[in-house]
């Protein structure tokens, strides 16, 4: 029996699924007595340090946790569960942590994108059973803006490089905690969990030479999901946003089966975009919630869900906040929430007033779950002008792709409603505003390139990457493996996403990763 401390924030379902996949039963700690009786305790955490400590205090978990730790019982902290072990965090000044380890939690100071999102390596500093049987080049999934700084170097288990060398896991006796998410780190992460649950001999490692680690470029599989004419959820793909062919919704496969296939091929993340009619009534969208639950039982990489995540009033007059809607998706297996059209309206309101309200979906969700949990999905199209002065309120670029009239300047107009309606805000401004409001990542689509197979819109991508300090995912236009290499080497984008070419088997995801190996840094699982 493994006890899991669930204080109510984030996706714990994947942790439960990963533990159960190893053949163990999970008991959820609902009280301090449950913690006291635990033989092995797993503490996963996401979100805000201050809110986490407040909830732990309100639930009466602090003293039982400290008693458990001081007794040196087997303990594994994950992400915020690592941060909790220290005395304080710069994320929540004045809020005390558990103080089991001396030291503090600091925000990254780097010119690289923050949050640190993606697959990175570890340099093991001392023998440990946690990494028994793993190779030196394994990568694990990180998603965080803060890192621990222990005062005692003896507790440092691994270090990782991201603009600076930071502590990515600690260990003392039977107490261990990782900054990365083993439950989202594929086969390597599942091995770490098994080693914690059933520890063998300490792993022999070579400590002679320091090792630098490198963040991998991510390949993301995107699944547009909607109900077909028979009411069944299927993966589809639009032809310039039209998902029908010969009068029928294109059926490219079941969402759970396709997600499992992409995971086996080495997908670094999987994104579900919910375009079914249920998106207008998200709390009634049980089929999509079920897709997430069933996918997370077999797919141990990050899952993003988009579509309908906003405040709304249901048919019974019940008001649902965007935070309540997001919570349902997180509890069903999602790791990130993608906000599309609503992000445009939120940005427009902010640009009118210049003030944060604290009530937008971006602000509410990032406040509780952390900025890394909020992805902004942008659908821009080019609008050409003769001169930048013709679009004084927009960010205009000089383009190497003039339109038929020979105009060499353009701006990228954001759209809503599946690309059908243009809005008076450009993609660069939208990305900047959403970052300021708390978004942690941008999914950058291109209406002009969607379905063309002509390659990613490098000018659009570069313009947005240069404007923000959060990670950007490139989307739309991939037609060959060379296009992925091009976007990774000619822009600073961290990830690239594709849909149709994967679904139609025109270019298998695994083939893309095979092509990229030894050309750019990638995660090799699945190759």
Protein backbone atom coordinates (compact mmCIF):
# COMPACT_ATOMS: atom_id res chain seq x y z
CA UNK A 1 0.00 0.00 0.00
CA UNK A 2 1.41 3.36 -1.10
CA UNK A 3 -0.01 6.51 0.48
CA UNK A 4 -0.38 9.55 -1.75
CA UNK A 5 -0.76 13.01 -0.26
CA UNK A 6 -3.29 14.86 -2.40
CA UNK A 7 -3.80 18.39 -1.15
CA UNK A 8 -6.18 19.27 -3.97
CA UNK A 9 -4.11 20.92 -6.71
CA UNK A 10 -3.05 19.57 -10.08
CA UNK A 11 -3.05 16.26 -11.86
CA UNK A 12 -2.56 13.50 -9.29
CA UNK A 13 -4.37 10.96 -11.46
CA UNK A 14 -1.23 10.34 -13.51
CA UNK A 15 0.80 9.71 -10.36
CA UNK A 16 -1.79 7.18 -9.19
CA UNK A 17 -1.82 5.52 -12.62
CA UNK A 18 1.98 5.31 -12.71
CA UNK A 19 2.14 3.73 -9.26
CA UNK A 20 -0.63 1.26 -10.07
CA UNK A 21 1.13 0.35 -13.32
CA UNK A 22 4.00 -0.82 -11.12
CA UNK A 23 1.63 -3.24 -9.38
CA UNK A 24 0.96 -1.27 -6.20
CA UNK A 25 -2.23 -0.03 -4.60
CA UNK A 26 -2.63 3.66 -3.77
CA UNK A 27 -4.32 5.03 -0.67
CA UNK A 28 -5.17 8.75 -0.67
CA UNK A 29 -4.24 10.55 2.54
CA UNK A 30 -7.34 12.37 3.76
CA UNK A 31 -6.12 13.14 7.27
CA UNK A 32 -3.03 13.50 9.42
CA UNK A 33 -3.68 10.01 10.76
CA UNK A 34 -3.42 8.62 7.22
CA UNK A 35 0.03 10.18 6.95
CA UNK A 36 1.06 8.79 10.33
CA UNK A 37 0.00 5.27 9.32
CA UNK A 38 1.71 5.39 5.92
CA UNK A 39 4.56 3.02 5.17
CA UNK A 40 5.65 4.87 2.02
CA UNK A 41 4.47 8.37 1.17
CA UNK A 42 4.41 10.11 -2.22
CA UNK A 43 3.82 13.88 -2.25
CA UNK A 44 3.23 15.35 -5.74
CA UNK A 45 2.67 19.08 -6.01
CA UNK A 46 1.88 21.70 -8.59
CA UNK A 47 0.96 25.35 -8.44
CA UNK A 48 1.80 28.05 -5.95
CA UNK A 49 4.07 27.48 -2.93
CA UNK A 50 2.07 29.78 -0.66
CA UNK A 51 -1.30 28.23 -1.47
CA UNK A 52 0.15 24.74 -1.01
CA UNK A 53 1.48 25.53 2.46
CA UNK A 54 -1.81 27.19 3.40
CA UNK A 55 -3.79 24.09 2.40
CA UNK A 56 -1.36 21.78 4.22
CA UNK A 57 -1.85 23.88 7.34
CA UNK A 58 -5.63 24.04 7.00
CA UNK A 59 -5.83 20.26 6.60
CA UNK A 60 -3.60 19.62 9.61
CA UNK A 61 -0.95 17.92 7.47
CA UNK A 62 2.16 19.88 8.52
CA UNK A 63 3.02 18.20 11.83
CA UNK A 64 2.20 14.66 10.66
CA UNK A 65 4.36 15.29 7.59
CA UNK A 66 7.29 16.48 9.67
CA UNK A 67 6.91 13.50 12.04
CA UNK A 68 6.93 11.14 9.05
CA UNK A 69 10.05 12.79 7.59
CA UNK A 70 11.94 12.83 10.88
CA UNK A 71 11.22 9.12 11.30
CA UNK A 72 13.10 8.60 8.00
CA UNK A 73 10.29 6.63 6.42
CA UNK A 74 10.39 6.23 2.61
CA UNK A 75 9.22 9.53 1.10
CA UNK A 76 9.17 10.79 -2.48
CA UNK A 77 8.35 14.44 -3.19
CA UNK A 78 7.62 15.59 -6.74
CA UNK A 79 8.05 19.17 -8.01
CA UNK A 80 6.27 21.36 -5.44
CA UNK A 81 6.55 18.38 -3.11
CA UNK A 82 10.32 19.03 -3.30
CA UNK A 83 9.95 22.75 -2.63
CA UNK A 84 7.81 22.08 0.44
CA UNK A 85 10.75 20.39 2.17
CA UNK A 86 12.69 23.67 2.38
CA UNK A 87 12.40 26.67 4.69
CA UNK A 88 10.95 29.26 2.33
CA UNK A 89 10.32 30.23 -1.28
CA UNK A 90 10.74 33.48 -3.18
CA UNK A 91 7.41 32.62 -4.81
CA UNK A 92 5.59 33.32 -1.52
CA UNK A 93 7.59 35.68 0.72
CA UNK A 94 6.74 35.34 4.37
CA UNK A 95 5.28 31.83 4.03
CA UNK A 96 7.27 29.15 5.85
CA UNK A 97 7.91 25.77 4.25
CA UNK A 98 8.30 22.53 6.19
CA UNK A 99 11.95 23.36 6.88
CA UNK A 100 13.04 19.72 6.83
CA UNK A 101 16.03 20.80 4.73
CA UNK A 102 17.81 24.11 5.24
CA UNK A 103 17.76 26.38 2.23
CA UNK A 104 15.25 28.16 0.04
CA UNK A 105 13.47 28.12 -3.31
CA UNK A 106 14.47 30.74 -5.91
CA UNK A 107 13.18 31.80 -9.31
CA UNK A 108 15.34 31.11 -12.35
CA UNK A 109 17.60 33.99 -13.35
CA UNK A 110 18.39 33.22 -16.97
CA UNK A 111 17.94 34.61 -20.44
CA UNK A 112 16.28 31.34 -21.44
CA UNK A 113 12.52 30.92 -21.41
CA UNK A 114 10.89 30.62 -18.01
CA UNK A 115 9.14 28.38 -17.02
CA UNK A 116 11.70 25.68 -17.74
CA UNK A 117 9.43 23.30 -19.66
CA UNK A 118 10.50 20.11 -21.34
CA UNK A 119 12.80 17.12 -21.26
CA UNK A 120 16.23 17.60 -19.69
CA UNK A 121 18.93 15.35 -18.32
CA UNK A 122 20.35 14.84 -14.85
CA UNK A 123 23.88 14.60 -13.49
CA UNK A 124 23.84 12.17 -10.55
CA UNK A 125 26.11 13.31 -7.71
CA UNK A 126 26.00 10.30 -5.41
CA UNK A 127 24.96 6.63 -5.49
CA UNK A 128 21.23 6.02 -5.20
CA UNK A 129 18.81 3.18 -5.89
CA UNK A 130 16.41 5.65 -7.57
CA UNK A 131 18.28 5.58 -10.87
CA UNK A 132 19.30 1.92 -10.91
CA UNK A 133 19.21 0.46 -14.41
CA UNK A 134 19.01 3.81 -16.20
CA UNK A 135 21.49 5.08 -18.76
CA UNK A 136 23.48 8.30 -18.56
CA UNK A 137 21.55 10.01 -21.36
CA UNK A 138 18.02 9.58 -19.94
CA UNK A 139 15.83 12.66 -19.98
CA UNK A 140 13.03 13.58 -17.60
CA UNK A 141 10.14 16.01 -17.85
CA UNK A 142 10.50 19.34 -16.06
CA UNK A 143 7.95 22.13 -15.75
CA UNK A 144 8.84 24.85 -13.22
CA UNK A 145 9.92 28.46 -12.72
CA UNK A 146 11.58 27.97 -9.31
CA UNK A 147 14.35 25.68 -8.09
CA UNK A 148 15.68 24.68 -4.66
CA UNK A 149 18.96 25.98 -3.24
CA UNK A 150 20.01 23.70 -0.34
CA UNK A 151 22.47 24.99 2.26
CA UNK A 152 23.84 21.50 2.82
CA UNK A 153 25.54 20.18 -0.34
CA UNK A 154 25.36 16.62 1.03
CA UNK A 155 21.63 16.42 0.25
CA UNK A 156 22.12 17.15 -3.46
CA UNK A 157 21.30 14.03 -5.46
CA UNK A 158 21.30 15.40 -9.02
CA UNK A 159 21.99 18.60 -10.86
CA UNK A 160 20.62 19.83 -14.19
CA UNK A 161 21.64 22.69 -16.49
CA UNK A 162 19.27 25.36 -17.72
CA UNK A 163 21.12 28.62 -18.18
CA UNK A 164 22.66 27.74 -14.84
CA UNK A 165 23.31 24.57 -12.89
CA UNK A 166 20.46 23.89 -10.47
CA UNK A 167 19.58 21.13 -8.01
CA UNK A 168 17.08 18.80 -9.68
CA UNK A 169 16.70 16.25 -6.87
CA UNK A 170 17.72 15.75 -3.25
CA UNK A 171 18.07 12.75 -0.97
CA UNK A 172 18.90 12.05 2.67
CA UNK A 173 18.36 8.61 4.15
CA UNK A 174 15.00 7.35 2.91
CA UNK A 175 13.82 10.84 1.98
CA UNK A 176 14.04 11.80 -1.70
CA UNK A 177 12.42 14.44 -3.87
CA UNK A 178 12.69 15.34 -7.54
CA UNK A 179 12.11 18.57 -9.45
CA UNK A 180 11.15 16.57 -12.53
CA UNK A 181 7.90 14.60 -12.84
CA UNK A 182 8.64 10.85 -13.02
CA UNK A 183 4.96 10.14 -13.75
CA UNK A 184 5.29 12.26 -16.90
CA UNK A 185 8.76 11.07 -17.93
CA UNK A 186 7.89 8.00 -19.96
CA UNK A 187 9.70 4.71 -19.35
CA UNK A 188 12.58 6.39 -17.51
CA UNK A 189 10.20 8.04 -15.07
CA UNK A 190 8.28 4.84 -14.47
CA UNK A 191 11.61 3.14 -13.68
CA UNK A 192 12.37 5.82 -11.07
CA UNK A 193 9.00 5.21 -9.42
CA UNK A 194 9.54 1.45 -9.42
CA UNK A 195 12.97 1.95 -7.87
CA UNK A 196 11.41 4.02 -5.10
CA UNK A 197 8.62 1.52 -4.51
CA UNK A 198 10.91 -1.52 -4.65
CA UNK A 199 14.48 -0.27 -4.03
CA UNK A 200 17.32 -2.51 -5.06
CA UNK A 201 21.05 -2.02 -4.60
CA UNK A 202 22.47 1.47 -5.00
CA UNK A 203 23.28 2.39 -8.58
CA UNK A 204 26.95 2.56 -9.44
CA UNK A 205 27.74 5.87 -11.13
CA UNK A 206 30.83 7.63 -12.40
CA UNK A 207 31.40 10.83 -10.41
CA UNK A 208 34.79 11.74 -11.91
CA UNK A 209 33.77 14.21 -14.61
CA UNK A 210 31.08 16.88 -14.39
CA UNK A 211 28.33 16.41 -16.96
CA UNK A 212 26.33 19.17 -18.61
CA UNK A 213 22.74 18.46 -19.46
CA UNK A 214 20.72 19.87 -22.35
CA UNK A 215 17.05 20.65 -22.84
CA UNK A 216 15.52 18.62 -25.67
CA UNK A 217 13.39 20.04 -28.45
CA UNK A 218 9.87 18.65 -28.09
CA UNK A 219 7.72 16.96 -30.74
CA UNK A 220 4.05 17.38 -29.87
CA UNK A 221 1.17 15.39 -31.38
CA UNK A 222 -2.07 17.35 -31.59
CA UNK A 223 -5.45 15.62 -31.69
CA UNK A 224 -8.51 17.68 -32.68
CA UNK A 225 -11.40 15.83 -31.03
CA UNK A 226 -15.09 16.24 -31.75
CA UNK A 227 -18.29 14.21 -31.95
CA UNK A 228 -18.98 12.69 -35.36
CA UNK A 229 -22.46 12.47 -36.88
CA UNK A 230 -23.19 9.37 -34.80
CA UNK A 231 -22.20 11.13 -31.57
CA UNK A 232 -18.90 9.28 -31.10
CA UNK A 233 -15.73 11.19 -30.25
CA UNK A 234 -13.17 10.96 -33.05
CA UNK A 235 -9.92 12.62 -34.00
CA UNK A 236 -10.42 14.81 -37.05
CA UNK A 237 -8.49 17.42 -39.01
CA UNK A 238 -9.76 20.46 -40.81
CA UNK A 239 -9.00 21.51 -44.35
CA UNK A 240 -8.47 25.19 -43.52
CA UNK A 241 -10.59 24.55 -40.41
CA UNK A 242 -13.33 22.63 -42.29
CA UNK A 243 -13.49 19.17 -40.69
CA UNK A 244 -16.08 17.73 -43.08
CA UNK A 245 -15.40 15.69 -46.20
CA UNK A 246 -18.20 14.51 -48.48
CA UNK A 247 -20.64 15.78 -45.87
CA UNK A 248 -19.19 13.67 -43.06
CA UNK A 249 -16.82 14.54 -40.22
CA UNK A 250 -13.36 13.20 -41.06
CA UNK A 251 -12.69 10.24 -38.79
CA UNK A 252 -8.95 9.72 -38.40
CA UNK A 253 -9.19 7.39 -35.41
CA UNK A 254 -10.14 7.15 -31.77
CA UNK A 255 -8.47 9.73 -29.50
CA UNK A 256 -7.30 7.27 -26.84
CA UNK A 257 -5.89 4.77 -29.35
CA UNK A 258 -4.10 7.47 -31.33
CA UNK A 259 -2.64 9.00 -28.17
CA UNK A 260 -1.25 5.61 -27.13
CA UNK A 261 0.24 5.11 -30.59
CA UNK A 262 1.98 8.50 -30.52
CA UNK A 263 3.29 7.79 -27.02
CA UNK A 264 4.80 4.53 -28.29
CA UNK A 265 6.41 6.43 -31.16
CA UNK A 266 8.12 8.80 -28.72
CA UNK A 267 5.81 11.83 -28.62
CA UNK A 268 7.11 14.24 -26.00
CA UNK A 269 3.66 15.68 -25.32
CA UNK A 270 0.10 15.15 -26.50
CA UNK A 271 -2.44 17.93 -26.96
CA UNK A 272 -6.18 17.39 -27.19
CA UNK A 273 -8.15 20.27 -28.71
CA UNK A 274 -11.81 19.71 -27.91
CA UNK A 275 -13.82 21.04 -30.85
CA UNK A 276 -17.00 19.08 -30.14
CA UNK A 277 -20.31 20.80 -29.43
CA UNK A 278 -19.84 20.04 -25.72
CA UNK A 279 -17.27 22.83 -25.57
CA UNK A 280 -20.15 25.25 -24.91
CA UNK A 281 -21.12 23.28 -21.81
CA UNK A 282 -17.82 21.97 -20.43
CA UNK A 283 -19.19 20.51 -17.20
CA UNK A 284 -21.48 18.27 -19.27
CA UNK A 285 -18.56 17.08 -21.39
CA UNK A 286 -18.19 13.70 -19.76
CA UNK A 287 -16.95 12.00 -22.96
CA UNK A 288 -13.90 14.28 -23.15
CA UNK A 289 -13.18 13.88 -19.44
CA UNK A 290 -13.33 10.13 -19.99
CA UNK A 291 -10.85 10.43 -22.87
CA UNK A 292 -8.40 12.11 -20.51
CA UNK A 293 -8.91 9.52 -17.79
CA UNK A 294 -8.39 6.56 -20.13
CA UNK A 295 -5.43 8.18 -21.89
CA UNK A 296 -3.63 8.94 -18.64
CA UNK A 297 -3.81 5.27 -17.67
CA UNK A 298 -1.40 4.35 -20.47
CA UNK A 299 0.32 7.55 -21.62
CA UNK A 300 3.00 8.90 -19.29
CA UNK A 301 3.94 12.14 -20.98
CA UNK A 302 2.27 15.55 -20.48
CA UNK A 303 -1.31 15.96 -21.68
CA UNK A 304 -2.77 19.33 -22.65
CA UNK A 305 -6.49 19.97 -23.11
CA UNK A 306 -8.06 22.94 -24.87
CA UNK A 307 -11.61 23.95 -25.71
CA UNK A 308 -14.38 25.44 -23.59
CA UNK A 309 -12.24 26.31 -20.59
CA UNK A 310 -13.91 29.50 -19.45
CA UNK A 311 -16.52 30.82 -17.05
CA UNK A 312 -20.10 30.08 -18.08
CA UNK A 313 -23.64 29.57 -16.81
CA UNK A 314 -25.26 26.18 -17.40
CA UNK A 315 -28.86 25.44 -18.34
CA UNK A 316 -29.87 25.31 -14.67
CA UNK A 317 -28.54 28.80 -14.01
CA UNK A 318 -25.48 27.52 -12.13
CA UNK A 319 -22.41 29.73 -12.60
CA UNK A 320 -19.13 27.90 -13.19
CA UNK A 321 -15.83 29.74 -12.94
CA UNK A 322 -13.03 28.97 -15.38
CA UNK A 323 -11.08 27.70 -12.37
CA UNK A 324 -13.80 25.15 -11.56
CA UNK A 325 -13.92 24.01 -15.18
CA UNK A 326 -10.12 23.67 -15.33
CA UNK A 327 -10.10 21.70 -12.08
CA UNK A 328 -12.28 19.01 -13.66
CA UNK A 329 -9.82 18.57 -16.50
CA UNK A 330 -6.81 18.50 -14.17
CA UNK A 331 -8.45 15.89 -11.98
CA UNK A 332 -9.21 13.81 -15.07
CA UNK A 333 -5.58 13.65 -16.20
CA UNK A 334 -4.66 16.94 -17.88
CA UNK A 335 -1.38 18.65 -17.04
CA UNK A 336 -1.96 21.90 -18.93
CA UNK A 337 -4.97 23.92 -19.97
CA UNK A 338 -5.03 25.59 -23.40
CA UNK A 339 -7.07 28.77 -23.80
CA UNK A 340 -7.87 29.98 -27.32
CA UNK A 341 -10.57 32.47 -28.28
CA UNK A 342 -11.12 33.56 -24.70
CA UNK A 343 -7.47 34.58 -24.47
CA UNK A 344 -8.08 37.08 -27.28
CA UNK A 345 -11.06 38.62 -25.49
CA UNK A 346 -9.12 38.70 -22.22
CA UNK A 347 -6.21 40.48 -23.90
CA UNK A 348 -8.53 42.99 -25.58
CA UNK A 349 -10.10 43.90 -22.24
CA UNK A 350 -6.70 44.29 -20.64
CA UNK A 351 -5.48 46.54 -23.46
CA UNK A 352 -8.54 48.78 -22.98
CA UNK A 353 -8.05 49.25 -19.24
CA UNK A 354 -4.39 48.47 -18.62
CA UNK A 355 -5.45 46.74 -15.41
CA UNK A 356 -5.53 43.16 -14.25
CA UNK A 357 -8.86 42.05 -12.83
CA UNK A 358 -7.77 38.77 -11.26
CA UNK A 359 -10.96 37.28 -12.71
CA UNK A 360 -9.83 36.12 -16.15
CA UNK A 361 -9.28 32.43 -16.84
CA UNK A 362 -5.56 33.06 -17.35
CA UNK A 363 -5.15 34.82 -14.01
CA UNK A 364 -7.32 32.45 -11.99
CA UNK A 365 -5.81 29.22 -13.26
CA UNK A 366 -2.18 30.39 -13.13
CA UNK A 367 -2.66 31.72 -9.62
CA UNK A 368 -3.70 28.31 -8.30
CA UNK A 369 -1.93 25.86 -10.61
CA UNK A 370 1.07 27.91 -11.71
CA UNK A 371 1.84 29.66 -14.97
CA UNK A 372 3.23 26.43 -16.42
CA UNK A 373 -0.31 25.01 -16.44
CA UNK A 374 -1.69 27.72 -18.75
CA UNK A 375 -1.08 27.56 -22.51
CA UNK A 376 -2.36 30.25 -24.87
CA UNK A 377 -3.44 28.89 -28.26
CA UNK A 378 -3.17 31.63 -30.90
CA UNK A 379 -4.68 31.41 -34.41
CA UNK A 380 -3.30 34.36 -36.42
CA UNK A 381 -3.42 35.17 -40.11
CA UNK A 382 -1.34 37.61 -42.14
CA UNK A 383 -2.74 41.03 -42.96
CA UNK A 384 -0.58 42.84 -45.52
CA UNK A 385 -0.10 46.61 -45.59
CA UNK A 386 1.85 48.98 -47.85
CA UNK A 387 3.48 50.73 -44.90
CA UNK A 388 3.72 50.15 -41.12
CA UNK A 389 1.89 53.45 -40.66
CA UNK A 390 -1.16 51.77 -42.19
CA UNK A 391 -1.49 49.63 -39.01
CA UNK A 392 -0.39 51.97 -36.21
CA UNK A 393 -1.90 49.87 -33.42
CA UNK A 394 -0.31 46.59 -34.53
CA UNK A 395 3.16 45.05 -34.46
CA UNK A 396 4.14 45.12 -38.14
CA UNK A 397 7.09 43.23 -39.63
CA UNK A 398 8.87 43.50 -42.95
CA UNK A 399 8.35 40.15 -44.64
CA UNK A 400 10.32 38.18 -47.19
CA UNK A 401 6.98 36.80 -48.44
CA UNK A 402 5.20 39.71 -50.22
CA UNK A 403 1.57 39.27 -51.16
CA UNK A 404 0.38 39.27 -54.82
CA UNK A 405 0.12 43.05 -54.70
CA UNK A 406 3.79 43.30 -53.76
CA UNK A 407 3.17 44.55 -50.22
CA UNK A 408 6.20 43.76 -48.05
CA UNK A 409 4.79 44.54 -44.63
CA UNK A 410 2.29 42.54 -42.58
CA UNK A 411 0.89 42.02 -39.13
CA UNK A 412 -0.52 38.80 -37.67
CA UNK A 413 -4.19 39.23 -36.87
CA UNK A 414 -5.58 37.06 -34.07
CA UNK A 415 -8.78 35.20 -34.86
CA UNK A 416 -11.51 33.54 -32.82
CA UNK A 417 -14.26 30.98 -33.44
CA UNK A 418 -12.02 28.50 -35.21
CA UNK A 419 -10.38 31.13 -37.40
CA UNK A 420 -13.65 32.48 -38.74
CA UNK A 421 -13.54 35.93 -37.13
CA UNK A 422 -10.62 38.37 -37.10
CA UNK A 423 -9.99 40.62 -34.11
CA UNK A 424 -8.15 43.97 -33.81
CA UNK A 425 -5.19 42.56 -31.87
CA UNK A 426 -2.00 41.05 -33.27
CA UNK A 427 -0.35 37.82 -32.19
CA UNK A 428 2.80 39.48 -30.82
CA UNK A 429 0.80 41.81 -28.59
CA UNK A 430 -1.50 38.99 -27.52
CA UNK A 431 1.45 36.82 -26.46
CA UNK A 432 3.01 39.68 -24.48
CA UNK A 433 -0.24 40.50 -22.69
CA UNK A 434 -1.05 36.89 -21.86
CA UNK A 435 2.44 36.39 -20.46
CA UNK A 436 1.91 39.42 -18.22
CA UNK A 437 -1.42 37.99 -17.06
CA UNK A 438 0.19 34.70 -16.07
CA UNK A 439 0.33 32.37 -19.09
CA UNK A 440 3.34 30.07 -19.15
CA UNK A 441 3.45 28.90 -22.77
CA UNK A 442 2.24 29.91 -26.25
CA UNK A 443 0.89 27.46 -28.84
CA UNK A 444 1.36 29.39 -32.06
CA UNK A 445 -0.77 28.25 -35.01
CA UNK A 446 -0.87 29.81 -38.48
CA UNK A 447 -4.08 29.94 -40.48
CA UNK A 448 -2.07 30.72 -43.62
CA UNK A 449 0.08 27.60 -43.27
CA UNK A 450 -2.49 25.19 -41.82
CA UNK A 451 -2.74 22.08 -43.99
CA UNK A 452 -0.37 23.39 -46.65
CA UNK A 453 2.66 21.23 -45.87
CA UNK A 454 4.79 24.25 -46.85
CA UNK A 455 6.63 24.48 -43.54
CA UNK A 456 6.18 26.51 -40.40
CA UNK A 457 5.76 30.29 -40.62
CA UNK A 458 9.23 31.20 -39.41
CA UNK A 459 8.59 34.95 -39.49
CA UNK A 460 5.54 34.64 -37.26
CA UNK A 461 7.34 32.29 -34.90
CA UNK A 462 10.46 34.48 -34.64
CA UNK A 463 8.38 37.60 -34.00
CA UNK A 464 6.56 35.98 -31.08
CA UNK A 465 9.64 34.24 -29.66
CA UNK A 466 11.51 37.55 -29.64
CA UNK A 467 8.65 39.26 -27.81
CA UNK A 468 8.14 36.89 -24.87
CA UNK A 469 10.23 35.08 -22.29
CA UNK A 470 7.96 32.04 -22.00
CA UNK A 471 8.27 28.91 -24.17
CA UNK A 472 6.65 28.83 -27.62
CA UNK A 473 5.28 25.80 -29.48
CA UNK A 474 5.31 26.13 -33.29
CA UNK A 475 2.30 24.75 -35.15
CA UNK A 476 0.79 24.61 -38.66
CA UNK A 477 2.49 23.85 -41.97
CA UNK A 478 4.73 20.87 -41.24
CA UNK A 479 5.01 18.68 -44.32
CA UNK A 480 8.37 16.97 -43.87
CA UNK A 481 10.93 16.08 -41.22
CA UNK A 482 13.14 18.83 -42.67
CA UNK A 483 10.54 21.39 -41.64
CA UNK A 484 11.00 20.40 -37.99
CA UNK A 485 14.76 20.79 -38.28
CA UNK A 486 14.27 24.14 -39.97
CA UNK A 487 12.05 25.58 -37.24
CA UNK A 488 14.38 24.30 -34.50
CA UNK A 489 17.54 25.70 -36.07
CA UNK A 490 16.22 28.98 -37.49
CA UNK A 491 14.08 30.10 -34.54
CA UNK A 492 14.38 29.84 -30.76
CA UNK A 493 11.15 27.84 -30.46
CA UNK A 494 11.20 25.06 -27.83
CA UNK A 495 8.69 22.67 -29.40
CA UNK A 496 6.94 21.90 -32.68
CA UNK A 497 3.48 20.43 -33.11
CA UNK A 498 1.80 18.58 -35.95
CA UNK A 499 -1.51 16.85 -36.52
CA UNK A 500 -2.68 15.90 -40.02
CA UNK A 501 0.61 14.51 -41.32
CA UNK A 502 0.80 12.25 -38.26
CA UNK A 503 -2.85 11.15 -38.37
CA UNK A 504 -2.77 10.34 -42.10
CA UNK A 505 0.54 8.45 -41.75
CA UNK A 506 2.14 10.80 -44.30
CA UNK A 507 5.00 11.33 -41.87
CA UNK A 508 5.09 9.11 -38.78
CA UNK A 509 6.08 10.91 -35.59
CA UNK A 510 8.76 8.34 -34.89
CA UNK A 511 10.30 9.03 -38.31
CA UNK A 512 10.60 12.73 -37.41
CA UNK A 513 12.51 11.88 -34.25
CA UNK A 514 14.78 9.48 -36.12
CA UNK A 515 15.59 12.21 -38.64
CA UNK A 516 16.32 14.77 -35.91
CA UNK A 517 18.68 12.63 -33.83
CA UNK A 518 22.25 13.88 -33.97
CA UNK A 519 21.01 17.11 -35.61
CA UNK A 520 19.32 18.75 -32.62
CA UNK A 521 18.94 17.74 -28.97
CA UNK A 522 15.96 15.39 -28.63
CA UNK A 523 14.65 12.76 -26.26
CA UNK A 524 15.53 9.39 -27.76
CA UNK A 525 12.74 7.32 -26.24
CA UNK A 526 10.68 5.74 -29.00
CA UNK A 527 13.50 5.82 -31.56
